[in-house]
Amino acid sequence: ADAMVAIKVVSDAKYIRRELEVLNVLPEHAHIVGMQAHFDKCIVFEMMSYDLYQLLRRTQFQGVSEALAFKFMRQIASALAFLHEHGIVHADLKPENIVLQNHTRSWVKIIDFGW
């Protein structure tokens, strides 16, 4: 199919090696971005929307509703528990590394496992 993808190009071999070590052993999870392929210094991911920092900027840093924040936190906690079960620690968890799957839905995924 002609699905849109995101391609991450990394010049640091150590960084890409760390990220691939995590992504290659990690089973699929609803709230962790899925790797589709990798080659040379590139990793192909499913296409996502903007990150939580960009969402905050769009609201002039007024934040989101308590209900939406709760929904995001449940999804993030689910992903972190899954990572913990697999012995993986996300060493750089921040709003920029939590992305909306689609700008019209409140579904988030964690990205960036290279630290």
C-alpha atoms as a PDB file:
ATOM      1  CA  ALA A   1       0.000   0.000   0.000  1.00  0.00           C
ATOM      2  CA  ASP A   2       1.004   3.628  -0.315  1.00  0.00           C
ATOM      3  CA  ALA A   3       1.086   4.437   3.404  1.00  0.00           C
ATOM      4  CA  MET A   4       2.919   7.533   4.617  1.00  0.00           C
ATOM      5  CA  VAL A   5       5.992   6.819   6.738  1.00  0.00           C
ATOM      6  CA  ALA A   6       8.508   8.823   8.728  1.00  0.00           C
ATOM      7  CA  ILE A   7      12.221   8.295   8.112  1.00  0.00           C
ATOM      8  CA  LYS A   8      14.676   9.110  10.868  1.00  0.00           C
ATOM      9  CA  VAL A   9      18.200   9.739   9.577  1.00  0.00           C
ATOM     10  CA  VAL A  10      20.915   9.431  12.212  1.00  0.00           C
ATOM     11  CA  SER A  11      24.566  10.252  11.583  1.00  0.00           C
ATOM     12  CA  ASP A  12      25.780   8.908  14.961  1.00  0.00           C
ATOM     13  CA  ALA A  13      26.358   5.153  14.584  1.00  0.00           C
ATOM     14  CA  LYS A  14      26.325   4.621  18.369  1.00  0.00           C
ATOM     15  CA  TYR A  15      22.915   6.322  18.669  1.00  0.00           C
ATOM     16  CA  ILE A  16      21.282   4.330  15.877  1.00  0.00           C
ATOM     17  CA  ARG A  17      22.770   1.081  17.214  1.00  0.00           C
ATOM     18  CA  ARG A  18      21.207   1.721  20.660  1.00  0.00           C
ATOM     19  CA  GLU A  19      17.819   2.549  19.170  1.00  0.00           C
ATOM     20  CA  LEU A  20      17.837  -0.526  16.932  1.00  0.00           C
ATOM     21  CA  GLU A  21      18.842  -2.763  19.865  1.00  0.00           C
ATOM     22  CA  VAL A  22      15.677  -1.669  21.672  1.00  0.00           C
ATOM     23  CA  LEU A  23      13.318  -1.634  18.698  1.00  0.00           C
ATOM     24  CA  ASN A  24      14.454  -5.030  17.373  1.00  0.00           C
ATOM     25  CA  VAL A  25      13.679  -6.874  20.626  1.00  0.00           C
ATOM     26  CA  LEU A  26      10.540  -4.992  21.612  1.00  0.00           C
ATOM     27  CA  PRO A  27       7.208  -6.597  20.673  1.00  0.00           C
ATOM     28  CA  GLU A  28       4.462  -4.327  19.317  1.00  0.00           C
ATOM     29  CA  HIS A  29       2.595  -2.138  21.773  1.00  0.00           C
ATOM     30  CA  ALA A  30      -0.283   0.253  21.117  1.00  0.00           C
ATOM     31  CA  HIS A  31       1.559   3.206  22.683  1.00  0.00           C
ATOM     32  CA  ILE A  32       5.091   2.708  21.365  1.00  0.00           C
ATOM     33  CA  VAL A  33       5.946   3.843  17.855  1.00  0.00           C
ATOM     34  CA  GLY A  34       6.384   0.961  15.443  1.00  0.00           C
ATOM     35  CA  MET A  35       9.540   0.509  13.388  1.00  0.00           C
ATOM     36  CA  GLN A  36       8.804  -0.749   9.894  1.00  0.00           C
ATOM     37  CA  ALA A  37      12.334  -1.134   8.539  1.00  0.00           C
ATOM     38  CA  HIS A  38      15.906   0.111   8.828  1.00  0.00           C
ATOM     39  CA  PHE A  39      18.834   0.510   6.477  1.00  0.00           C
ATOM     40  CA  ASP A  40      22.213   2.237   6.647  1.00  0.00           C
ATOM     41  CA  LYS A  41      21.676   5.151   9.030  1.00  0.00           C
ATOM     42  CA  CYS A  42      17.909   5.333   8.548  1.00  0.00           C
ATOM     43  CA  ILE A  43      14.972   3.955  10.512  1.00  0.00           C
ATOM     44  CA  VAL A  44      11.507   3.841   8.940  1.00  0.00           C
ATOM     45  CA  PHE A  45       8.612   4.405  11.339  1.00  0.00           C
ATOM     46  CA  GLU A  46       4.873   4.663  11.068  1.00  0.00           C
ATOM     47  CA  MET A  47       3.846   8.248  10.354  1.00  0.00           C
ATOM     48  CA  MET A  48       2.775  10.208  13.413  1.00  0.00           C
ATOM     49  CA  SER A  49       1.389  13.689  14.058  1.00  0.00           C
ATOM     50  CA  TYR A  50       2.840  16.386  16.321  1.00  0.00           C
ATOM     51  CA  ASP A  51       4.362  15.872  19.762  1.00  0.00           C
ATOM     52  CA  LEU A  52       3.004  16.967  23.145  1.00  0.00           C
ATOM     53  CA  TYR A  53       5.294  20.006  23.292  1.00  0.00           C
ATOM     54  CA  GLN A  54       3.862  21.207  19.976  1.00  0.00           C
ATOM     55  CA  LEU A  55       0.374  20.564  21.367  1.00  0.00           C
ATOM     56  CA  LEU A  56       1.186  22.774  24.367  1.00  0.00           C
ATOM     57  CA  ARG A  57       2.505  25.501  22.049  1.00  0.00           C
ATOM     58  CA  ARG A  58      -0.748  25.341  20.060  1.00  0.00           C
ATOM     59  CA  THR A  59      -2.632  26.108  23.288  1.00  0.00           C
ATOM     60  CA  GLN A  60      -0.244  28.982  24.174  1.00  0.00           C
ATOM     61  CA  PHE A  61       0.911  26.767  27.060  1.00  0.00           C
ATOM     62  CA  GLN A  62      -2.547  26.817  28.665  1.00  0.00           C
ATOM     63  CA  GLY A  63      -2.485  23.028  28.709  1.00  0.00           C
ATOM     64  CA  VAL A  64      -5.239  20.531  28.004  1.00  0.00           C
ATOM     65  CA  SER A  65      -8.306  19.467  29.924  1.00  0.00           C
ATOM     66  CA  GLU A  66      -7.928  17.249  32.970  1.00  0.00           C
ATOM     67  CA  ALA A  67      -9.798  14.469  31.147  1.00  0.00           C
ATOM     68  CA  LEU A  68      -7.420  14.620  28.180  1.00  0.00           C
ATOM     69  CA  ALA A  69      -4.347  14.761  30.445  1.00  0.00           C
ATOM     70  CA  PHE A  70      -5.669  11.688  32.284  1.00  0.00           C
ATOM     71  CA  LYS A  71      -6.171   9.864  28.981  1.00  0.00           C
ATOM     72  CA  PHE A  72      -2.616  10.687  27.892  1.00  0.00           C
ATOM     73  CA  MET A  73      -1.171   9.601  31.259  1.00  0.00           C
ATOM     74  CA  ARG A  74      -2.953   6.236  31.147  1.00  0.00           C
ATOM     75  CA  GLN A  75      -1.497   5.559  27.716  1.00  0.00           C
ATOM     76  CA  ILE A  76       2.005   6.683  28.732  1.00  0.00           C
ATOM     77  CA  ALA A  77       1.843   4.592  31.924  1.00  0.00           C
ATOM     78  CA  SER A  78       0.781   1.564  29.877  1.00  0.00           C
ATOM     79  CA  ALA A  79       3.769   2.007  27.555  1.00  0.00           C
ATOM     80  CA  LEU A  80       6.205   2.531  30.448  1.00  0.00           C
ATOM     81  CA  ALA A  81       4.930  -0.563  32.261  1.00  0.00           C
ATOM     82  CA  PHE A  82       5.392  -2.543  29.037  1.00  0.00           C
ATOM     83  CA  LEU A  83       8.957  -1.245  28.671  1.00  0.00           C
ATOM     84  CA  HIS A  84       9.656  -2.133  32.309  1.00  0.00           C
ATOM     85  CA  GLU A  85       8.363  -5.687  31.741  1.00  0.00           C
ATOM     86  CA  HIS A  86      10.940  -5.994  28.945  1.00  0.00           C
ATOM     87  CA  GLY A  87      13.795  -4.530  30.995  1.00  0.00           C
ATOM     88  CA  ILE A  88      13.947  -1.287  29.004  1.00  0.00           C
ATOM     89  CA  VAL A  89      14.235   2.200  30.474  1.00  0.00           C
ATOM     90  CA  HIS A  90      13.392   5.190  28.284  1.00  0.00           C
ATOM     91  CA  ALA A  91      16.206   7.544  29.267  1.00  0.00           C
ATOM     92  CA  ASP A  92      14.827  10.658  27.559  1.00  0.00           C
ATOM     93  CA  LEU A  93      11.096  10.825  28.268  1.00  0.00           C
ATOM     94  CA  LYS A  94       9.833  14.367  27.628  1.00  0.00           C
ATOM     95  CA  PRO A  95       6.906  15.993  25.786  1.00  0.00           C
ATOM     96  CA  GLU A  96       8.879  16.013  22.523  1.00  0.00           C
ATOM     97  CA  ASN A  97       9.180  12.197  22.691  1.00  0.00           C
ATOM     98  CA  ILE A  98       5.464  11.592  23.146  1.00  0.00           C
ATOM     99  CA  VAL A  99       3.581  12.035  19.891  1.00  0.00           C
ATOM    100  CA  LEU A 100      -0.010  11.993  18.779  1.00  0.00           C
ATOM    101  CA  GLN A 101      -0.749   9.221  16.337  1.00  0.00           C
ATOM    102  CA  ASN A 102      -3.160  11.512  14.527  1.00  0.00           C
ATOM    103  CA  HIS A 103      -3.951  15.170  15.212  1.00  0.00           C
ATOM    104  CA  THR A 104      -7.673  14.390  15.389  1.00  0.00           C
ATOM    105  CA  ARG A 105      -7.413  11.611  18.009  1.00  0.00           C
ATOM    106  CA  SER A 106      -6.154  11.572  21.584  1.00  0.00           C
ATOM    107  CA  TRP A 107      -3.925   8.530  21.050  1.00  0.00           C
ATOM    108  CA  VAL A 108      -0.242   8.930  21.986  1.00  0.00           C
ATOM    109  CA  LYS A 109       2.899   6.892  21.414  1.00  0.00           C
ATOM    110  CA  ILE A 110       6.393   7.065  22.860  1.00  0.00           C
ATOM    111  CA  ILE A 111       9.287   7.584  20.432  1.00  0.00           C
ATOM    112  CA  ASP A 112      13.091   7.928  20.472  1.00  0.00           C
ATOM    113  CA  PHE A 113      14.920   5.082  22.159  1.00  0.00           C
ATOM    114  CA  GLY A 114      18.452   6.163  21.255  1.00  0.00           C
ATOM    115  CA  TRP A 115      18.945   8.571  24.188  1.00  0.00           C
END
